[in-house]
C-alpha atoms as a PDB file:
ATOM      1  CA  MET A   1       0.000   0.000   0.000  1.00  0.00           C
ATOM      2  CA  PRO A   2       1.536   3.309  -1.088  1.00  0.00           C
ATOM      3  CA  THR A   3       1.884   5.921   1.518  1.00  0.00           C
ATOM      4  CA  PRO A   4       0.588   9.458   0.935  1.00  0.00           C
ATOM      5  CA  ASP A   5       4.095  10.879   1.246  1.00  0.00           C
ATOM      6  CA  ASP A   6       5.333   8.659  -1.575  1.00  0.00           C
ATOM      7  CA  GLU A   7       2.474   9.702  -3.840  1.00  0.00           C
ATOM      8  CA  ARG A   8       3.085  13.357  -3.123  1.00  0.00           C
ATOM      9  CA  PHE A   9       6.799  12.931  -3.788  1.00  0.00           C
ATOM     10  CA  GLU A  10       6.077  11.165  -7.086  1.00  0.00           C
ATOM     11  CA  ILE A  11       3.789  13.977  -8.220  1.00  0.00           C
ATOM     12  CA  TYR A  12       6.465  16.479  -7.256  1.00  0.00           C
ATOM     13  CA  LEU A  13       9.105  14.659  -9.346  1.00  0.00           C
ATOM     14  CA  LYS A  14       6.821  14.538 -12.408  1.00  0.00           C
ATOM     15  CA  GLN A  15       6.781  18.337 -12.484  1.00  0.00           C
ATOM     16  CA  PHE A  16      10.388  18.433 -13.646  1.00  0.00           C
ATOM     17  CA  HIS A  17      11.067  18.291 -17.391  1.00  0.00           C
ATOM     18  CA  PRO A  18      14.484  18.385 -19.032  1.00  0.00           C
ATOM     19  CA  LEU A  19      15.430  21.690 -20.600  1.00  0.00           C
ATOM     20  CA  VAL A  20      16.892  22.004 -24.056  1.00  0.00           C
ATOM     21  CA  PRO A  21      20.476  23.270 -23.718  1.00  0.00           C
ATOM     22  CA  ASP A  22      21.600  26.412 -25.513  1.00  0.00           C
ATOM     23  CA  PRO A  23      23.728  25.837 -28.615  1.00  0.00           C
ATOM     24  CA  MET A  24      27.474  26.021 -27.984  1.00  0.00           C
ATOM     25  CA  PRO A  25      29.137  29.210 -29.198  1.00  0.00           C
ATOM     26  CA  THR A  26      31.476  28.001 -31.954  1.00  0.00           C
ATOM     27  CA  GLU A  27      31.970  31.021 -34.214  1.00  0.00           C
ATOM     28  CA  GLY A  28      33.967  33.321 -31.940  1.00  0.00           C
ATOM     29  CA  ARG A  29      35.881  30.615 -30.178  1.00  0.00           C
ATOM     30  CA  GLY A  30      36.692  28.522 -33.267  1.00  0.00           C
ATOM     31  CA  GLN A  31      38.476  31.311 -35.104  1.00  0.00           C
ATOM     32  CA  ALA A  32      40.526  32.290 -32.072  1.00  0.00           C
ATOM     33  CA  SER A  33      41.645  28.705 -31.522  1.00  0.00           C
ATOM     34  CA  ARG A  34      42.407  28.323 -35.226  1.00  0.00           C
ATOM     35  CA  ARG A  35      44.511  31.494 -35.187  1.00  0.00           C
ATOM     36  CA  SER A  36      46.425  30.299 -32.148  1.00  0.00           C
ATOM     37  CA  PHE A  37      46.950  26.901 -33.800  1.00  0.00           C
ATOM     38  CA  VAL A  38      48.294  28.526 -36.969  1.00  0.00           C
ATOM     39  CA  LEU A  39      50.507  30.824 -34.924  1.00  0.00           C
ATOM     40  CA  ARG A  40      51.898  27.914 -32.892  1.00  0.00           C
ATOM     41  CA  ALA A  41      52.510  25.880 -36.042  1.00  0.00           C
ATOM     42  CA  TRP A  42      54.333  28.837 -37.613  1.00  0.00           C
ATOM     43  CA  PHE A  43      56.572  29.298 -34.560  1.00  0.00           C
ATOM     44  CA  ALA A  44      57.279  25.559 -34.427  1.00  0.00           C
ATOM     45  CA  ALA A  45      58.296  25.553 -38.106  1.00  0.00           C
ATOM     46  CA  VAL A  46      60.577  28.570 -37.629  1.00  0.00           C
ATOM     47  CA  ALA A  47      62.151  26.969 -34.542  1.00  0.00           C
ATOM     48  CA  ALA A  48      62.735  23.705 -36.428  1.00  0.00           C
ATOM     49  CA  ILE A  49      64.372  25.555 -39.330  1.00  0.00           C
ATOM     50  CA  LEU A  50      66.626  27.483 -36.942  1.00  0.00           C
ATOM     51  CA  ILE A  51      67.665  24.301 -35.135  1.00  0.00           C
ATOM     52  CA  VAL A  52      68.469  22.504 -38.393  1.00  0.00           C
ATOM     53  CA  ALA A  53      70.437  25.527 -39.628  1.00  0.00           C
ATOM     54  CA  ALA A  54      72.415  25.752 -36.375  1.00  0.00           C
ATOM     55  CA  ILE A  55      73.283  22.049 -36.509  1.00  0.00           C
ATOM     56  CA  GLY A  56      74.293  22.364 -40.160  1.00  0.00           C
ATOM     57  CA  LEU A  57      76.545  25.331 -39.438  1.00  0.00           C
ATOM     58  CA  HIS A  58      78.082  23.533 -36.484  1.00  0.00           C
ATOM     59  CA  ILE A  59      78.854  20.448 -38.572  1.00  0.00           C
ATOM     60  CA  ARG A  60      80.153  22.554 -41.433  1.00  0.00           C
ATOM     61  CA  SER A  61      82.461  24.611 -39.197  1.00  0.00           C
ATOM     62  CA  ASN A  62      83.862  21.475 -37.507  1.00  0.00           C
ATOM     63  CA  ARG A  63      84.544  19.626 -40.733  1.00  0.00           C
ATOM     64  CA  VAL A  64      88.225  19.396 -41.651  1.00  0.00           C
ATOM     65  CA  ALA A  65      88.910  19.969 -45.326  1.00  0.00           C
ATOM     66  CA  ALA A  66      91.219  17.315 -46.741  1.00  0.00           C
ATOM     67  CA  PRO A  67      92.167  18.167 -50.311  1.00  0.00           C
ATOM     68  CA  ASN A  68      93.919  14.882 -51.057  1.00  0.00           C
ATOM     69  CA  THR A  69      93.261  12.200 -48.471  1.00  0.00           C
ATOM     70  CA  ALA A  70      94.927   9.430 -50.495  1.00  0.00           C
ATOM     71  CA  ILE A  71      98.364  11.042 -50.149  1.00  0.00           C
ATOM     72  CA  GLU A  72      97.873  11.811 -46.451  1.00  0.00           C
ATOM     73  CA  ALA A  73      96.556   8.321 -45.704  1.00  0.00           C
ATOM     74  CA  ALA A  74      99.647   6.771 -47.272  1.00  0.00           C
ATOM     75  CA  SER A  75     102.002   8.647 -44.939  1.00  0.00           C
ATOM     76  CA  PRO A  76     101.445   7.706 -41.300  1.00  0.00           C
ATOM     77  CA  VAL A  77     100.936  10.408 -38.691  1.00  0.00           C
ATOM     78  CA  VAL A  78     104.096  10.184 -36.599  1.00  0.00           C
ATOM     79  CA  PRO A  79     104.953  13.119 -34.372  1.00  0.00           C
ATOM     80  CA  LEU A  80     108.641  13.752 -33.737  1.00  0.00           C
ATOM     81  CA  GLN A  81     108.062  14.899 -30.162  1.00  0.00           C
ATOM     82  CA  PRO A  82     106.277  13.466 -27.136  1.00  0.00           C
ATOM     83  CA  LEU A  83     102.508  13.650 -27.267  1.00  0.00           C
ATOM     84  CA  THR A  84     101.137  16.679 -25.445  1.00  0.00           C
ATOM     85  CA  MET A  85      97.722  18.310 -25.471  1.00  0.00           C
ATOM     86  CA  ARG A  86      98.989  20.928 -27.899  1.00  0.00           C
ATOM     87  CA  SER A  87     100.477  18.369 -30.302  1.00  0.00           C
ATOM     88  CA  ALA A  88      97.353  16.181 -30.041  1.00  0.00           C
ATOM     89  CA  ASN A  89      95.136  19.134 -30.920  1.00  0.00           C
ATOM     90  CA  ALA A  90      97.432  20.034 -33.813  1.00  0.00           C
ATOM     91  CA  LEU A  91      97.294  16.456 -35.110  1.00  0.00           C
ATOM     92  CA  LEU A  92      93.511  16.394 -34.884  1.00  0.00           C
ATOM     93  CA  ALA A  93      93.240  19.732 -36.676  1.00  0.00           C
ATOM     94  CA  THR A  94      95.422  18.681 -39.616  1.00  0.00           C
ATOM     95  CA  ALA A  95      94.535  14.991 -40.000  1.00  0.00           C
ATOM     96  CA  PRO A  96      91.949  13.802 -42.529  1.00  0.00           C
ATOM     97  CA  SER A  97      90.036  11.879 -39.839  1.00  0.00           C
ATOM     98  CA  PHE A  98      90.089  10.973 -36.181  1.00  0.00           C
ATOM     99  CA  LYS A  99      90.716   7.335 -37.068  1.00  0.00           C
ATOM    100  CA  ALA A 100      93.843   8.270 -39.012  1.00  0.00           C
ATOM    101  CA  VAL A 101      95.270  10.125 -35.997  1.00  0.00           C
ATOM    102  CA  VAL A 102      94.519   7.269 -33.606  1.00  0.00           C
ATOM    103  CA  ASP A 103      95.981   4.693 -35.992  1.00  0.00           C
ATOM    104  CA  GLY A 104      99.087   6.819 -36.521  1.00  0.00           C
ATOM    105  CA  LEU A 105      99.617   7.239 -32.791  1.00  0.00           C
ATOM    106  CA  ALA A 106      98.992   3.562 -32.049  1.00  0.00           C
ATOM    107  CA  PHE A 107     101.689   2.344 -34.441  1.00  0.00           C
ATOM    108  CA  ARG A 108     104.288   5.053 -33.952  1.00  0.00           C
ATOM    109  CA  SER A 109     107.854   4.324 -33.011  1.00  0.00           C
ATOM    110  CA  GLU A 110     108.483   3.856 -29.304  1.00  0.00           C
ATOM    111  CA  SER A 111     112.033   5.169 -29.476  1.00  0.00           C
ATOM    112  CA  LEU A 112     111.429   8.851 -28.889  1.00  0.00           C
ATOM    113  CA  THR A 113     114.459  10.910 -28.010  1.00  0.00           C
ATOM    114  CA  LEU A 114     113.872  13.271 -25.124  1.00  0.00           C
ATOM    115  CA  PRO A 115     116.076  16.260 -24.354  1.00  0.00           C
ATOM    116  CA  LYS A 116     118.596  15.788 -21.549  1.00  0.00           C
ATOM    117  CA  GLY A 117     117.057  16.229 -18.109  1.00  0.00           C
ATOM    118  CA  GLU A 118     113.488  15.362 -19.187  1.00  0.00           C
ATOM    119  CA  GLN A 119     111.531  12.163 -18.686  1.00  0.00           C
ATOM    120  CA  SER A 120     108.493  10.640 -20.251  1.00  0.00           C
ATOM    121  CA  ALA A 121     105.510  10.634 -17.920  1.00  0.00           C
ATOM    122  CA  LEU A 122     104.499   7.201 -19.191  1.00  0.00           C
ATOM    123  CA  ALA A 123     107.958   5.820 -18.464  1.00  0.00           C
ATOM    124  CA  VAL A 124     107.844   7.160 -14.898  1.00  0.00           C
ATOM    125  CA  LEU A 125     104.331   5.792 -14.332  1.00  0.00           C
ATOM    126  CA  GLY A 126     105.391   2.452 -15.790  1.00  0.00           C
ATOM    127  CA  LYS A 127     108.174   2.143 -13.176  1.00  0.00           C
ATOM    128  CA  GLU A 128     105.898   3.029 -10.255  1.00  0.00           C
ATOM    129  CA  LYS A 129     104.864   0.059  -8.119  1.00  0.00           C
ATOM    130  CA  ILE A 130     101.460   0.377  -6.517  1.00  0.00           C
ATOM    131  CA  LYS A 131     100.420  -2.085  -3.832  1.00  0.00           C
ATOM    132  CA  LEU A 132      96.719  -2.732  -3.588  1.00  0.00           C
END
């Protein structure tokens, strides 16, 4: 048996009807978002072009020009003095490739003549006995 409160509550709920929502405003907002999208795409394209240009300039400025690598590859890179940072940088600047410098240094003559009163750091370190 339904109670009078339930019937009254049911009648009260039947009074409510769904409302039709207003249409979404698309004209003003759509053009602004399209403009911002185009602007962002333009800035992204300009940034990408600048990055590619910077990388290209960096690679181009670091490239060593070797006019005739066949002649230079035939003669091994053998420095006449002990290897220092300055001589290593000079070898890297004038060699046709990094591999050529490393190969030339790996197979160079071990009989380097040092001026009187000087020692090779590698020779001194080779004599040192370290106990672990």
